[in-house]
Protein backbone atom coordinates (compact mmCIF):
# COMPACT_ATOMS: atom_id res chain seq x y z
CA MET A 1 47.25 187.90 56.76
CA PRO A 2 49.22 186.81 53.82
CA SER A 3 47.50 185.47 50.84
CA TYR A 4 47.45 181.65 50.47
CA ALA A 5 50.11 182.48 47.17
CA ALA A 6 52.41 184.04 49.41
CA ARG A 7 51.91 181.72 52.00
CA THR A 8 53.09 178.71 49.75
CA ALA A 9 55.63 180.18 47.67
CA MET A 10 58.88 178.55 47.71
CA PRO A 11 62.37 180.09 48.49
CA LEU A 12 64.98 179.54 46.32
CA ALA A 13 67.46 176.82 46.78
CA GLY A 14 69.94 177.73 49.61
CA ALA A 15 68.30 181.27 49.84
CA ASP A 16 68.87 183.24 53.09
CA ALA A 17 65.12 184.02 53.28
CA PRO A 18 63.76 186.43 56.25
CA GLU A 19 62.44 185.02 59.23
CA THR A 20 59.44 183.00 57.94
CA ALA A 21 58.27 179.39 58.96
CA PRO A 22 56.73 176.64 56.88
CA LEU A 23 52.63 176.99 57.07
CA THR A 24 49.99 174.53 56.66
CA GLN A 25 47.81 175.07 53.63
CA SER A 26 43.87 174.74 54.91
CA LEU A 27 41.87 172.63 52.48
CA ALA A 28 40.70 176.03 50.75
CA GLU A 29 43.83 177.32 50.46
CA GLN A 30 44.82 174.03 48.76
CA ILE A 31 41.96 173.90 46.33
CA ALA A 32 42.74 177.69 45.70
CA ALA A 33 46.31 177.07 45.21
CA ARG A 34 45.21 174.45 42.34
CA LEU A 35 42.65 176.31 40.84
CA SER A 36 45.02 179.48 40.51
CA GLU A 37 47.60 177.48 38.45
CA ARG A 38 44.89 176.31 35.86
CA ILE A 39 43.99 179.87 35.69
CA VAL A 40 47.47 181.25 35.07
CA ALA A 41 48.14 178.71 32.73
CA GLY A 42 45.07 179.44 30.82
CA ALA A 43 43.65 175.91 31.39
CA TYR A 44 40.34 178.10 32.49
CA ALA A 45 40.22 181.19 29.73
CA PRO A 46 38.99 184.69 30.59
CA GLY A 47 35.15 185.02 31.53
CA GLN A 48 34.86 180.79 32.13
CA ARG A 49 32.41 180.34 34.96
CA ILE A 50 33.97 177.91 37.44
CA MET A 51 31.50 175.45 38.54
CA GLU A 52 31.29 174.53 42.51
CA GLN A 53 29.53 171.41 42.04
CA ALA A 54 32.16 170.13 39.51
CA ILE A 55 35.24 171.37 41.44
CA ALA A 56 33.75 169.67 44.80
CA ALA A 57 33.28 166.60 43.10
CA GLU A 58 37.07 166.51 41.47
CA PHE A 59 38.56 167.13 45.04
CA ALA A 60 35.83 165.02 46.64
CA VAL A 61 34.63 167.88 49.03
CA SER A 62 31.57 169.50 50.37
CA ARG A 63 30.76 172.97 48.07
CA GLY A 64 32.12 174.85 51.84
CA PRO A 65 35.79 174.69 51.19
CA VAL A 66 35.22 175.44 47.21
CA ARG A 67 33.40 178.70 48.04
CA GLU A 68 36.08 179.73 50.25
CA ALA A 69 38.79 179.01 47.75
CA LEU A 70 36.79 180.78 45.32
CA ARG A 71 36.54 183.96 47.67
CA LEU A 72 40.65 183.31 48.09
CA LEU A 73 40.92 183.68 44.52
CA GLU A 74 38.67 186.92 44.22
CA LYS A 75 40.67 188.83 46.51
CA ASP A 76 43.84 187.86 44.41
CA GLY A 77 42.14 189.15 41.57
CA LEU A 78 41.99 185.94 39.48
CA VAL A 79 37.96 185.42 39.80
CA THR A 80 34.88 187.73 39.92
CA ILE A 81 31.77 186.64 42.09
CA LEU A 82 28.73 187.52 40.33
CA ALA A 83 25.28 187.20 42.41
CA ARG A 84 23.05 184.07 41.20
CA ARG A 85 25.98 183.76 38.23
CA GLY A 86 28.61 182.26 40.72
CA ALA A 87 32.53 182.81 39.88
CA GLN A 88 33.85 183.32 37.00
CA VAL A 89 37.61 183.77 35.42
CA THR A 90 38.33 187.79 35.66
CA ASN A 91 38.80 188.95 31.96
CA LEU A 92 42.17 190.22 30.91
CA SER A 93 42.12 193.89 30.57
CA ILE A 94 44.48 196.67 29.44
CA ALA A 95 43.24 198.83 31.87
CA GLU A 96 44.17 196.69 34.70
CA VAL A 97 47.29 195.96 33.06
CA ARG A 98 48.02 199.65 33.46
CA GLU A 99 46.72 199.75 36.88
CA ILE A 100 48.76 196.68 38.28
CA PHE A 101 52.03 197.55 36.51
CA ASP A 102 52.07 201.16 37.18
CA ILE A 103 51.47 200.19 41.18
CA ARG A 104 54.26 197.57 40.89
CA ALA A 105 56.89 199.40 39.13
CA MET A 106 56.83 201.95 42.02
CA LEU A 107 56.91 199.39 44.86
CA ASN A 108 59.29 196.89 42.90
CA GLY A 109 61.63 200.30 42.34
CA LEU A 110 61.21 200.43 46.36
CA ARG A 111 61.82 197.14 46.81
CA ASP A 112 64.87 196.70 45.01
CA ARG A 113 66.47 200.39 46.44
CA LEU A 114 66.13 198.65 50.13
CA ILE A 115 67.70 195.57 48.99
CA ALA A 116 70.80 197.64 47.27
CA GLU A 117 70.89 200.02 50.57
CA ASP A 118 70.96 196.64 53.12
CA PRO A 119 73.99 196.59 54.29
CA GLY A 120 73.25 192.59 54.65
CA ARG A 121 72.66 192.40 50.86
CA MET A 122 75.65 190.25 49.97
CA ARG A 123 74.30 187.50 52.14
CA TYR A 124 71.43 187.78 49.27
CA LEU A 125 73.79 187.95 46.10
CA PRO A 126 74.83 184.21 45.76
CA ALA A 127 70.90 183.06 45.59
CA LEU A 128 70.29 186.03 43.08
CA GLU A 129 73.11 185.72 41.35
CA ALA A 130 72.56 181.76 40.25
CA GLU A 131 68.91 182.44 39.45
CA VAL A 132 69.85 185.17 36.95
CA ALA A 133 72.38 183.02 35.52
CA LYS A 134 69.83 180.61 34.93
CA LEU A 135 67.69 183.05 33.49
CA ALA A 136 70.18 184.15 30.76
CA ARG A 137 70.58 180.47 30.01
CA LEU A 138 66.77 180.59 29.11
CA ALA A 139 66.47 183.55 27.33
CA ARG A 140 68.75 181.82 24.90
CA ASP A 141 66.51 179.02 23.94
CA ALA A 142 63.10 180.35 22.61
CA ASP A 143 61.57 177.23 23.32
CA ARG A 144 61.62 177.37 26.99
CA GLY A 145 59.29 180.71 27.63
CA ASP A 146 57.22 179.61 29.97
CA GLU A 147 60.15 178.32 32.43
CA TYR A 148 61.60 181.80 32.32
CA VAL A 149 58.39 183.36 33.49
CA GLU A 150 58.15 180.96 36.49
CA THR A 151 62.10 181.82 37.37
CA VAL A 152 61.41 185.08 37.02
CA SER A 153 57.79 184.91 39.43
CA ARG A 154 60.51 183.17 41.56
CA LEU A 155 63.39 185.66 41.83
CA ASN A 156 60.12 188.33 41.95
CA ARG A 157 59.12 186.49 45.13
CA TYR A 158 62.59 185.77 46.85
CA LEU A 159 63.60 189.70 46.32
CA THR A 160 60.00 190.76 47.61
CA HIS A 161 60.76 188.27 50.69
CA VAL A 162 64.10 189.62 51.49
CA ALA A 163 63.20 193.41 51.35
CA SER A 164 63.28 194.91 54.49
CA ASN A 165 59.51 196.35 54.62
CA ARG A 166 57.13 194.09 55.83
CA ARG A 167 54.07 196.08 54.36
CA LEU A 168 55.92 196.37 51.17
CA ARG A 169 56.11 192.78 51.02
CA THR A 170 52.25 191.94 52.30
CA ILE A 171 51.07 194.58 49.47
CA LEU A 172 53.44 192.96 46.46
CA ASP A 173 52.26 189.73 47.47
CA SER A 174 48.80 190.37 47.33
CA LEU A 175 49.38 191.64 43.79
CA ALA A 176 51.84 188.57 42.76
CA LEU A 177 49.14 186.15 41.09
CA GLN A 178 47.26 189.03 38.86
CA THR A 179 50.92 189.84 37.60
CA LEU A 180 51.94 186.68 36.52
CA ARG A 181 48.92 186.42 33.91
CA TYR A 182 50.30 189.55 32.47
CA SER A 183 54.08 189.08 32.92
CA GLN A 184 53.35 185.58 30.74
CA ILE A 185 51.89 187.49 28.13
CA GLY A 186 54.57 190.58 28.27
CA LEU A 187 57.42 187.42 28.25
CA SER A 188 55.90 186.00 25.65
CA THR A 189 58.69 186.67 22.95
CA PRO A 190 62.26 185.44 22.64
CA GLN A 191 63.11 189.14 21.89
CA ARG A 192 60.98 190.50 25.18
CA ARG A 193 62.90 187.82 27.33
CA ARG A 194 66.33 188.88 26.04
CA GLN A 195 65.41 192.33 26.95
CA SER A 196 64.34 191.45 30.28
CA ILE A 197 67.61 189.38 31.46
CA GLN A 198 69.70 192.61 30.66
CA HIS A 199 67.62 194.41 33.07
CA TRP A 200 68.03 191.68 35.96
CA GLN A 201 71.87 191.47 35.42
CA LYS A 202 72.11 195.37 35.52
CA LEU A 203 70.29 194.66 38.89
CA VAL A 204 72.80 192.11 40.13
CA LYS A 205 75.39 194.70 39.83
CA ALA A 206 73.59 197.78 41.42
CA ILE A 207 72.72 195.37 44.40
CA ARG A 208 76.62 194.15 44.32
CA ASP A 209 77.53 197.85 44.41
CA GLY A 210 75.27 198.89 46.40
CA ASP A 211 73.51 201.60 44.24
CA GLY A 212 70.04 201.96 45.33
CA ALA A 213 69.26 204.49 42.82
CA GLU A 214 70.20 202.52 40.22
CA ALA A 215 68.34 199.56 41.35
CA GLU A 216 65.33 201.45 41.88
CA ARG A 217 65.62 202.84 38.05
CA ILE A 218 66.33 199.22 37.03
CA ALA A 219 63.30 197.86 38.36
CA ARG A 220 61.05 200.52 37.44
CA GLN A 221 62.09 199.87 33.66
CA ARG A 222 61.91 196.29 33.80
CA VAL A 223 58.23 196.62 34.96
CA GLN A 224 57.75 199.36 32.56
CA ASP A 225 58.78 197.11 29.59
CA SER A 226 56.91 194.33 30.79
CA ARG A 227 53.91 196.68 31.18
CA ASP A 228 54.11 197.81 27.43
CA ALA A 229 54.56 194.46 25.88
CA ALA A 230 51.63 192.77 27.56
CA ILE A 231 49.63 196.40 26.11
CA ALA A 232 50.72 195.44 22.80
CA GLN A 233 50.01 191.77 22.71
CA LEU A 234 46.47 192.07 24.34
CA GLN A 235 45.99 194.93 21.53
CA ARG A 236 46.97 192.38 18.86
CA LEU A 237 44.30 189.85 20.33
CA ALA A 238 41.84 192.09 19.96
CA THR A 239 42.41 193.09 16.99
CA ASP A 240 42.92 189.89 15.51
CA ASN A 241 39.33 188.81 17.29
CA LYS A 242 37.67 191.73 15.39
CA ALA A 243 39.25 190.38 12.16
CA ARG A 244 37.88 186.75 12.63
CA HIS A 245 34.18 188.08 14.05
CA ALA A 246 34.28 190.31 10.58
CA ALA A 247 35.41 187.66 8.61
């Protein structure tokens, strides 16, 4: 069964998505979606405890749906549930960045190759081109970084859901929220966003040309660049924290 994040992913406007029907969220999934937005946005800091009773009171529900929501978040890697201590937001980790992004580099490469080699790929191009054009506009505005990351996330969900391999779609969906936390870090500078848009523009051309090998190469490079930028930022933050504690 897809994660609640995958079930709530919105298709691109006017996009020709694969055979998916609207799905109704359970109460636990609704709570999980709200909490995940806060975690990704940084409203809940890494390592912060999430208090079941406070969440239950906020949403006017019993603690049962809250516990189920936290279990969903644990499956998506956003929280860790500890015995006798409850749930806390998963800490950001350089080791996790490497693990997740190395996997995504390979899987995104396969995904984009499949799309480029799909005989019906031209029906996906209008939506893809429109979103990449939007990315280009956002990349020119240093103050619209959050919107750039949001658009990249939506674009990746779209590409995942038009890929022909169902199991590949499921695996990529399961990594989506973990990836988003680090993508925000990796795309946090205008320079990185300008580098990113160049990859997306090259991908559009590779898909239009039906060049699967080039689409795969571009996808891997795009993810690897994001990985390296996120690691550099986390290392910088760790150094700054040590300096503050030593002062």
